[in-house]
N, C-alpha and C. Protein backbone atom coordinates (compact mmCIF):
# COMPACT_ATOMS: atom_id res chain seq x y z
N MET A 1 173.08 126.29 113.79
CA MET A 1 172.99 124.84 113.74
C MET A 1 171.53 124.39 113.61
N LYS A 2 170.62 125.03 114.43
CA LYS A 2 169.21 124.69 114.35
C LYS A 2 168.66 125.01 112.97
N ARG A 3 169.14 126.12 112.41
CA ARG A 3 168.65 126.52 111.09
C ARG A 3 169.05 125.49 110.04
N ASN A 4 170.28 124.96 110.12
CA ASN A 4 170.74 123.94 109.17
C ASN A 4 169.91 122.66 109.30
N ARG A 5 169.57 122.28 110.53
CA ARG A 5 168.73 121.09 110.73
C ARG A 5 167.35 121.30 110.12
N PHE A 6 166.81 122.51 110.35
CA PHE A 6 165.49 122.83 109.80
C PHE A 6 165.51 122.75 108.27
N ILE A 7 166.55 123.33 107.66
CA ILE A 7 166.66 123.30 106.19
C ILE A 7 166.79 121.86 105.71
N LEU A 8 167.62 121.04 106.36
CA LEU A 8 167.78 119.65 105.99
C LEU A 8 166.46 118.90 106.16
N PHE A 9 165.77 119.14 107.28
CA PHE A 9 164.47 118.51 107.53
C PHE A 9 163.48 118.90 106.43
N PHE A 10 163.45 120.18 106.08
CA PHE A 10 162.54 120.68 105.04
C PHE A 10 162.85 120.01 103.69
N ILE A 11 164.11 119.92 103.31
CA ILE A 11 164.50 119.32 102.03
C ILE A 11 164.12 117.84 102.01
N LEU A 12 164.40 117.11 103.09
CA LEU A 12 164.05 115.69 103.14
C LEU A 12 162.54 115.48 103.09
N THR A 13 161.80 116.31 103.82
CA THR A 13 160.34 116.21 103.81
C THR A 13 159.80 116.49 102.42
N ALA A 14 160.31 117.54 101.79
CA ALA A 14 159.86 117.89 100.43
C ALA A 14 160.17 116.77 99.46
N ALA A 15 161.37 116.18 99.57
CA ALA A 15 161.74 115.08 98.68
C ALA A 15 160.82 113.88 98.88
N LEU A 16 160.50 113.55 100.13
CA LEU A 16 159.60 112.44 100.40
C LEU A 16 158.21 112.71 99.85
N LEU A 17 157.70 113.92 100.07
CA LEU A 17 156.37 114.26 99.56
C LEU A 17 156.32 114.22 98.04
N LEU A 18 157.35 114.75 97.40
CA LEU A 18 157.37 114.74 95.94
C LEU A 18 157.46 113.33 95.39
N SER A 19 158.28 112.49 96.02
CA SER A 19 158.38 111.11 95.53
C SER A 19 157.09 110.35 95.80
N ALA A 20 156.42 110.63 96.91
CA ALA A 20 155.14 109.98 97.20
C ALA A 20 154.07 110.41 96.20
N CYS A 21 154.12 111.66 95.81
CA CYS A 21 153.14 112.17 94.83
C CYS A 21 153.38 111.57 93.45
N GLN A 22 154.57 111.18 93.16
CA GLN A 22 154.86 110.63 91.84
C GLN A 22 154.46 109.16 91.71
N LYS A 23 154.38 108.43 92.80
CA LYS A 23 154.08 107.00 92.74
C LYS A 23 152.81 106.67 91.98
N PRO A 24 151.67 107.35 92.21
CA PRO A 24 150.47 106.99 91.50
C PRO A 24 150.60 107.08 89.98
N LEU A 25 151.51 107.90 89.49
CA LEU A 25 151.68 108.03 88.05
C LEU A 25 152.23 106.77 87.41
N GLU A 26 152.84 105.89 88.21
CA GLU A 26 153.38 104.65 87.69
C GLU A 26 152.27 103.71 87.23
N GLY A 27 151.10 103.78 87.84
CA GLY A 27 149.99 102.92 87.49
C GLY A 27 148.93 103.70 86.74
N ASP A 28 147.91 103.00 86.33
CA ASP A 28 146.79 103.63 85.64
C ASP A 28 145.58 103.56 86.54
N PRO A 29 145.17 104.70 87.13
CA PRO A 29 144.03 104.66 88.04
C PRO A 29 142.72 104.31 87.32
N PHE A 30 142.71 104.43 86.00
CA PHE A 30 141.50 104.18 85.22
C PHE A 30 141.38 102.75 84.71
N VAL A 31 142.33 101.90 85.06
CA VAL A 31 142.33 100.52 84.56
C VAL A 31 141.04 99.78 84.95
N ARG A 32 140.47 100.08 86.10
CA ARG A 32 139.24 99.41 86.53
C ARG A 32 138.06 99.74 85.63
N PHE A 33 138.11 100.91 84.97
CA PHE A 33 137.03 101.31 84.07
C PHE A 33 136.97 100.42 82.82
N ARG A 34 138.07 99.76 82.51
CA ARG A 34 138.09 98.89 81.34
C ARG A 34 137.68 97.45 81.68
N GLU A 35 137.48 97.19 82.97
CA GLU A 35 137.02 95.87 83.41
C GLU A 35 135.50 95.78 83.28
N ASN A 36 134.99 94.56 83.32
CA ASN A 36 133.54 94.35 83.37
C ASN A 36 133.08 94.62 84.80
N PHE A 37 131.96 95.33 84.93
CA PHE A 37 131.46 95.62 86.27
C PHE A 37 129.96 95.89 86.25
N ASP A 38 129.37 95.79 87.44
CA ASP A 38 127.99 96.20 87.70
C ASP A 38 128.09 97.27 88.78
N ALA A 39 127.36 98.36 88.62
CA ALA A 39 127.43 99.45 89.59
C ALA A 39 126.06 100.09 89.77
N ARG A 40 125.88 100.67 90.93
CA ARG A 40 124.69 101.48 91.21
C ARG A 40 125.22 102.85 91.59
N PHE A 41 124.73 103.87 90.89
CA PHE A 41 125.24 105.19 91.19
C PHE A 41 124.17 106.26 91.06
N GLU A 42 124.49 107.38 91.71
CA GLU A 42 123.66 108.59 91.62
C GLU A 42 124.31 109.48 90.59
N LEU A 43 123.48 110.02 89.70
CA LEU A 43 123.96 110.91 88.66
C LEU A 43 123.19 112.21 88.73
N GLU A 44 123.92 113.31 88.84
CA GLU A 44 123.29 114.62 88.76
C GLU A 44 123.84 115.28 87.50
N CYS A 45 122.92 115.64 86.60
CA CYS A 45 123.31 116.22 85.33
C CYS A 45 122.54 117.53 85.16
N ASN A 46 123.28 118.64 85.17
CA ASN A 46 122.67 119.98 85.11
C ASN A 46 121.58 120.14 86.16
N GLY A 47 121.83 119.62 87.37
CA GLY A 47 120.92 119.78 88.49
C GLY A 47 119.80 118.76 88.56
N VAL A 48 119.68 117.88 87.56
CA VAL A 48 118.64 116.85 87.56
C VAL A 48 119.25 115.55 88.08
N SER A 49 118.67 114.98 89.15
CA SER A 49 119.22 113.79 89.79
C SER A 49 118.51 112.52 89.34
N SER A 50 119.29 111.46 89.25
CA SER A 50 118.74 110.14 88.95
C SER A 50 119.61 109.08 89.62
N VAL A 51 119.06 107.88 89.72
CA VAL A 51 119.80 106.73 90.23
C VAL A 51 119.77 105.68 89.12
N LEU A 52 120.93 105.16 88.79
CA LEU A 52 121.05 104.22 87.68
C LEU A 52 121.81 102.96 88.09
N ILE A 53 121.45 101.86 87.45
CA ILE A 53 122.22 100.63 87.53
C ILE A 53 123.01 100.56 86.23
N CYS A 54 124.31 100.39 86.32
CA CYS A 54 125.18 100.33 85.15
C CYS A 54 125.77 98.93 85.06
N GLU A 55 125.64 98.33 83.90
CA GLU A 55 126.29 97.05 83.64
C GLU A 55 127.21 97.25 82.44
N LYS A 56 128.51 97.05 82.67
CA LYS A 56 129.49 97.20 81.60
C LYS A 56 130.18 95.86 81.39
N ASP A 57 130.21 95.44 80.13
CA ASP A 57 130.96 94.23 79.79
C ASP A 57 131.65 94.45 78.45
N ASP A 58 132.29 93.40 77.95
CA ASP A 58 133.04 93.52 76.70
C ASP A 58 132.14 93.90 75.53
N ASP A 59 130.86 93.57 75.62
CA ASP A 59 129.93 93.87 74.52
C ASP A 59 129.42 95.30 74.53
N GLY A 60 129.38 95.94 75.69
CA GLY A 60 128.87 97.30 75.73
C GLY A 60 128.46 97.74 77.11
N LEU A 61 127.48 98.64 77.13
CA LEU A 61 127.07 99.31 78.35
C LEU A 61 125.55 99.34 78.42
N SER A 62 125.02 99.07 79.61
CA SER A 62 123.59 99.13 79.84
C SER A 62 123.34 99.99 81.07
N LEU A 63 122.40 100.94 80.96
CA LEU A 63 122.06 101.83 82.08
C LEU A 63 120.56 101.73 82.31
N THR A 64 120.17 101.31 83.53
CA THR A 64 118.76 101.17 83.89
C THR A 64 118.41 102.18 84.97
N PHE A 65 117.37 102.98 84.72
CA PHE A 65 116.95 103.97 85.71
C PHE A 65 116.20 103.30 86.86
N GLU A 66 116.59 103.66 88.09
CA GLU A 66 115.84 103.29 89.30
C GLU A 66 115.05 104.48 89.81
N ALA A 67 115.55 105.68 89.57
CA ALA A 67 114.89 106.92 89.99
C ALA A 67 115.33 108.01 89.03
N PRO A 68 114.51 108.99 88.80
CA PRO A 68 113.21 109.27 89.42
C PRO A 68 112.15 108.27 88.97
N GLU A 69 111.08 108.23 89.71
CA GLU A 69 110.00 107.28 89.46
C GLU A 69 109.49 107.37 88.02
N THR A 70 109.46 108.57 87.44
CA THR A 70 108.95 108.75 86.07
C THR A 70 109.83 108.06 85.02
N LEU A 71 111.09 107.75 85.34
CA LEU A 71 111.99 107.08 84.40
C LEU A 71 112.30 105.64 84.82
N LYS A 72 111.78 105.20 85.93
CA LYS A 72 112.09 103.87 86.45
C LYS A 72 111.77 102.81 85.39
N GLY A 73 112.75 101.95 85.12
CA GLY A 73 112.57 100.87 84.17
C GLY A 73 113.03 101.19 82.76
N TYR A 74 113.33 102.44 82.46
CA TYR A 74 113.88 102.79 81.15
C TYR A 74 115.33 102.29 81.10
N VAL A 75 115.73 101.74 79.96
CA VAL A 75 117.07 101.15 79.83
C VAL A 75 117.75 101.69 78.57
N PHE A 76 118.94 102.28 78.79
CA PHE A 76 119.82 102.62 77.67
C PHE A 76 120.72 101.42 77.43
N THR A 77 120.88 101.04 76.17
CA THR A 77 121.81 99.97 75.81
C THR A 77 122.73 100.51 74.72
N CYS A 78 124.03 100.38 74.93
CA CYS A 78 125.01 100.88 73.95
C CYS A 78 125.98 99.76 73.60
N VAL A 79 126.13 99.55 72.31
CA VAL A 79 127.12 98.63 71.78
C VAL A 79 127.91 99.42 70.74
N GLY A 80 129.19 99.65 71.03
CA GLY A 80 129.98 100.51 70.17
C GLY A 80 129.40 101.91 70.19
N GLU A 81 129.17 102.47 69.02
CA GLU A 81 128.60 103.82 68.91
C GLU A 81 127.07 103.79 68.84
N GLU A 82 126.47 102.62 68.73
CA GLU A 82 125.02 102.50 68.62
C GLU A 82 124.38 102.46 70.00
N CYS A 83 123.35 103.29 70.20
CA CYS A 83 122.63 103.32 71.48
C CYS A 83 121.13 103.22 71.21
N SER A 84 120.45 102.57 72.14
CA SER A 84 118.99 102.48 72.07
C SER A 84 118.41 102.73 73.45
N LEU A 85 117.12 103.04 73.48
CA LEU A 85 116.39 103.25 74.73
C LEU A 85 115.20 102.32 74.70
N SER A 86 115.02 101.57 75.78
CA SER A 86 113.93 100.60 75.86
C SER A 86 113.09 100.85 77.09
N PHE A 87 111.81 100.53 76.96
CA PHE A 87 110.90 100.48 78.10
C PHE A 87 109.92 99.37 77.81
N GLU A 88 109.89 98.40 78.72
CA GLU A 88 109.08 97.19 78.54
C GLU A 88 109.41 96.58 77.18
N ASP A 89 108.45 96.49 76.25
CA ASP A 89 108.74 95.82 74.98
C ASP A 89 108.93 96.79 73.82
N VAL A 90 109.18 98.06 74.10
CA VAL A 90 109.40 99.07 73.06
C VAL A 90 110.86 99.51 73.10
N THR A 91 111.52 99.49 71.93
CA THR A 91 112.91 99.91 71.82
C THR A 91 113.05 100.88 70.66
N VAL A 92 113.76 101.96 70.89
CA VAL A 92 114.02 102.93 69.82
C VAL A 92 115.53 103.17 69.74
N SER A 93 116.02 103.31 68.51
CA SER A 93 117.43 103.67 68.30
C SER A 93 117.59 105.15 68.56
N LEU A 94 118.74 105.52 69.09
CA LEU A 94 118.98 106.92 69.45
C LEU A 94 120.11 107.51 68.62
N THR A 95 119.94 108.78 68.25
CA THR A 95 121.04 109.51 67.64
C THR A 95 122.01 109.89 68.77
N PRO A 96 123.25 110.24 68.45
CA PRO A 96 124.19 110.65 69.51
C PRO A 96 123.65 111.79 70.38
N ASP A 97 122.89 112.73 69.79
CA ASP A 97 122.33 113.83 70.58
C ASP A 97 121.32 113.33 71.61
N LEU A 98 120.58 112.30 71.29
CA LEU A 98 119.56 111.77 72.20
C LEU A 98 120.15 110.78 73.21
N ALA A 99 121.36 110.32 72.95
CA ALA A 99 122.02 109.37 73.85
C ALA A 99 122.94 110.11 74.81
N ARG A 100 122.49 111.26 75.30
CA ARG A 100 123.32 112.12 76.14
C ARG A 100 123.79 111.43 77.42
N VAL A 101 122.89 110.79 78.15
CA VAL A 101 123.27 110.16 79.42
C VAL A 101 124.30 109.05 79.20
N PRO A 102 124.06 108.09 78.29
CA PRO A 102 125.09 107.07 78.10
C PRO A 102 126.40 107.64 77.56
N ASN A 103 126.34 108.67 76.74
CA ASN A 103 127.57 109.27 76.23
C ASN A 103 128.36 109.96 77.33
N ILE A 104 127.68 110.54 78.30
CA ILE A 104 128.36 111.13 79.45
C ILE A 104 129.06 110.03 80.26
N ILE A 105 128.36 108.93 80.50
CA ILE A 105 128.96 107.82 81.25
C ILE A 105 130.15 107.25 80.48
N LYS A 106 130.00 107.06 79.18
CA LYS A 106 131.10 106.55 78.36
C LYS A 106 132.30 107.50 78.40
N GLU A 107 132.04 108.79 78.42
CA GLU A 107 133.12 109.78 78.50
C GLU A 107 133.85 109.68 79.84
N ILE A 108 133.11 109.50 80.92
CA ILE A 108 133.72 109.32 82.25
C ILE A 108 134.61 108.08 82.25
N LEU A 109 134.14 107.00 81.64
CA LEU A 109 134.89 105.74 81.63
C LEU A 109 136.04 105.73 80.64
N ALA A 110 136.13 106.73 79.76
CA ALA A 110 137.13 106.73 78.69
C ALA A 110 138.47 107.35 79.08
N SER A 111 138.58 107.97 80.25
CA SER A 111 139.83 108.63 80.62
C SER A 111 140.96 107.61 80.71
N THR A 112 142.16 108.08 80.37
CA THR A 112 143.35 107.24 80.41
C THR A 112 144.45 107.95 81.20
N SER A 113 145.45 107.21 81.59
CA SER A 113 146.52 107.76 82.43
C SER A 113 147.29 108.88 81.72
N ASP A 114 147.38 108.87 80.40
CA ASP A 114 148.12 109.92 79.72
C ASP A 114 147.36 111.25 79.69
N GLN A 115 146.11 111.27 80.14
CA GLN A 115 145.32 112.50 80.21
C GLN A 115 145.36 113.14 81.60
N ILE A 116 146.06 112.53 82.55
CA ILE A 116 146.10 113.03 83.93
C ILE A 116 146.79 114.39 83.99
N SER A 117 146.11 115.33 84.64
CA SER A 117 146.70 116.66 84.83
C SER A 117 147.14 116.89 86.28
N SER A 118 146.53 116.17 87.24
CA SER A 118 146.98 116.30 88.63
C SER A 118 146.51 115.11 89.45
N ILE A 119 147.26 114.85 90.51
CA ILE A 119 146.93 113.80 91.48
C ILE A 119 147.20 114.37 92.86
N THR A 120 146.19 114.28 93.75
CA THR A 120 146.37 114.73 95.13
C THR A 120 145.74 113.72 96.07
N GLY A 121 146.21 113.71 97.29
CA GLY A 121 145.63 112.88 98.32
C GLY A 121 144.74 113.72 99.21
N GLU A 122 143.69 113.09 99.75
CA GLU A 122 142.83 113.80 100.69
C GLU A 122 142.22 112.80 101.65
N SER A 123 141.85 113.31 102.81
CA SER A 123 141.24 112.47 103.84
C SER A 123 139.73 112.60 103.77
N SER A 124 139.05 111.52 104.10
CA SER A 124 137.59 111.54 104.17
C SER A 124 137.16 110.62 105.30
N GLU A 125 135.86 110.53 105.51
CA GLU A 125 135.33 109.62 106.53
C GLU A 125 135.71 108.18 106.23
N SER A 126 135.87 107.86 104.94
CA SER A 126 136.19 106.49 104.51
C SER A 126 137.68 106.20 104.58
N GLY A 127 138.51 107.20 104.85
CA GLY A 127 139.95 107.01 104.90
C GLY A 127 140.63 107.90 103.88
N THR A 128 141.83 107.52 103.50
CA THR A 128 142.59 108.30 102.53
C THR A 128 142.07 108.03 101.13
N MET A 129 141.85 109.11 100.40
CA MET A 129 141.35 109.03 99.03
C MET A 129 142.36 109.70 98.11
N THR A 130 142.29 109.37 96.83
CA THR A 130 143.14 110.00 95.83
C THR A 130 142.26 110.71 94.82
N ARG A 131 142.51 111.99 94.62
CA ARG A 131 141.78 112.76 93.61
C ARG A 131 142.67 112.86 92.37
N VAL A 132 142.11 112.45 91.25
CA VAL A 132 142.81 112.47 89.97
C VAL A 132 142.02 113.33 89.00
N SER A 133 142.68 114.31 88.42
CA SER A 133 142.04 115.15 87.40
C SER A 133 142.57 114.72 86.04
N ALA A 134 141.65 114.46 85.12
CA ALA A 134 142.03 114.03 83.78
C ALA A 134 140.92 114.38 82.82
N ASN A 135 141.31 114.89 81.68
CA ASN A 135 140.35 115.16 80.62
C ASN A 135 139.22 116.09 81.09
N GLY A 136 139.55 117.01 82.03
CA GLY A 136 138.56 117.96 82.54
C GLY A 136 137.61 117.38 83.58
N ILE A 137 137.86 116.15 84.03
CA ILE A 137 137.00 115.47 85.00
C ILE A 137 137.82 115.22 86.27
N SER A 138 137.20 115.46 87.42
CA SER A 138 137.84 115.20 88.71
C SER A 138 137.28 113.89 89.26
N TYR A 139 138.16 112.90 89.43
CA TYR A 139 137.79 111.58 89.93
C TYR A 139 138.27 111.43 91.36
N LEU A 140 137.53 110.68 92.16
CA LEU A 140 137.94 110.35 93.51
C LEU A 140 138.02 108.83 93.61
N PHE A 141 139.17 108.31 94.09
CA PHE A 141 139.39 106.88 94.22
C PHE A 141 139.67 106.53 95.67
N ARG A 142 139.14 105.39 96.12
CA ARG A 142 139.47 104.87 97.46
C ARG A 142 140.91 104.37 97.45
N SER A 143 141.44 104.08 98.62
CA SER A 143 142.83 103.66 98.73
C SER A 143 143.11 102.34 98.00
N ASP A 144 142.07 101.50 97.78
CA ASP A 144 142.28 100.25 97.06
C ASP A 144 142.12 100.40 95.54
N GLY A 145 141.92 101.65 95.07
CA GLY A 145 141.80 101.91 93.64
C GLY A 145 140.38 101.89 93.12
N THR A 146 139.42 101.60 93.99
CA THR A 146 138.02 101.56 93.57
C THR A 146 137.51 102.98 93.35
N PRO A 147 136.88 103.24 92.21
CA PRO A 147 136.36 104.59 91.97
C PRO A 147 135.20 104.93 92.91
N GLU A 148 135.18 106.16 93.37
CA GLU A 148 134.16 106.65 94.32
C GLU A 148 133.23 107.67 93.65
N SER A 149 133.81 108.58 92.85
CA SER A 149 132.99 109.62 92.22
C SER A 149 133.74 110.24 91.06
N ALA A 150 132.98 111.00 90.27
CA ALA A 150 133.54 111.78 89.16
C ALA A 150 132.67 113.01 88.99
N GLU A 151 133.30 114.12 88.65
CA GLU A 151 132.52 115.33 88.42
C GLU A 151 133.26 116.28 87.50
N GLY A 152 132.49 117.11 86.82
CA GLY A 152 133.06 118.09 85.91
C GLY A 152 132.06 118.46 84.85
N VAL A 153 132.49 119.27 83.92
CA VAL A 153 131.66 119.61 82.78
C VAL A 153 131.99 118.59 81.69
N ILE A 154 131.00 117.76 81.38
CA ILE A 154 131.21 116.65 80.45
C ILE A 154 130.20 116.78 79.33
N LEU A 155 130.70 116.88 78.10
CA LEU A 155 129.85 117.06 76.92
C LEU A 155 128.89 118.23 77.11
N GLY A 156 129.39 119.30 77.74
CA GLY A 156 128.61 120.51 77.92
C GLY A 156 127.65 120.50 79.10
N ALA A 157 127.62 119.43 79.88
CA ALA A 157 126.71 119.32 81.03
C ALA A 157 127.52 119.32 82.33
N GLU A 158 126.99 119.97 83.36
CA GLU A 158 127.58 119.94 84.70
C GLU A 158 127.18 118.61 85.32
N VAL A 159 128.17 117.73 85.57
CA VAL A 159 127.90 116.35 85.98
C VAL A 159 128.55 116.03 87.31
N LYS A 160 127.79 115.35 88.18
CA LYS A 160 128.32 114.78 89.42
C LYS A 160 127.83 113.33 89.46
N LEU A 161 128.77 112.41 89.56
CA LEU A 161 128.44 110.99 89.63
C LEU A 161 129.01 110.44 90.93
N LYS A 162 128.19 109.80 91.73
CA LYS A 162 128.63 109.16 92.99
C LYS A 162 128.32 107.68 92.90
N ILE A 163 129.35 106.87 93.01
CA ILE A 163 129.19 105.42 92.93
C ILE A 163 128.82 104.90 94.31
N ASN A 164 127.62 104.35 94.44
CA ASN A 164 127.16 103.81 95.72
C ASN A 164 127.63 102.38 95.92
N GLU A 165 127.72 101.64 94.83
CA GLU A 165 128.11 100.23 94.90
C GLU A 165 128.70 99.84 93.56
N ILE A 166 129.79 99.07 93.59
CA ILE A 166 130.39 98.58 92.35
C ILE A 166 130.96 97.19 92.59
N ASN A 167 130.71 96.30 91.65
CA ASN A 167 131.23 94.94 91.70
C ASN A 167 131.91 94.65 90.38
N PHE A 168 133.18 94.29 90.46
CA PHE A 168 133.95 93.96 89.26
C PHE A 168 133.76 92.48 88.96
N ASN A 169 133.52 92.18 87.71
CA ASN A 169 133.24 90.80 87.29
C ASN A 169 134.45 90.23 86.58
N THR A 170 134.96 89.14 87.12
CA THR A 170 136.09 88.46 86.51
C THR A 170 135.54 87.47 85.48
N PRO A 171 136.05 87.51 84.24
CA PRO A 171 135.59 86.55 83.24
C PRO A 171 135.79 85.12 83.72
N GLU A 172 134.90 84.22 83.30
CA GLU A 172 134.99 82.81 83.73
C GLU A 172 136.34 82.25 83.35
N GLY A 173 136.91 81.45 84.26
CA GLY A 173 138.20 80.83 84.02
C GLY A 173 139.36 81.65 84.54
N GLU A 174 139.15 82.92 84.87
CA GLU A 174 140.22 83.77 85.41
C GLU A 174 140.02 83.93 86.91
N GLN A 175 141.09 84.09 87.62
CA GLN A 175 141.05 84.32 89.08
C GLN A 175 141.86 85.52 89.44
């Protein structure tokens, strides 16, 4: 009798866990990446660390270096496939090979729900987090859907991105 209860308990627990794991697939965890936002994040690319301010809107993407000190004030600006690098009053157009940092960020932001290969839950100091793997990138999301980090080999580079602050901008007239 105890064995039958254990088996029933195990089956019910497994069914609940499997159905809970399937719920995130109903939504798109990457939908926030298509919104307009301002973010401050740490980026480690092949062991080289930097701190960037990212501004994304309908027109494109802007990345401003805060650190290291030698790059402070340099700004990548991307509209469509065109990218440029500016410092003070000098701007140069970049080939795709020279626009490596913005292309890595654009690749991180380009994932879609149909590219998801796995979803798992994990605990952290901040609470329950969701890890989503898609397109070879491992993303970590807070329980409210806000992105926390992304890492993986992206465009041939070993990348770790940690979002320190992010603010989503609602277009005027929308609430």
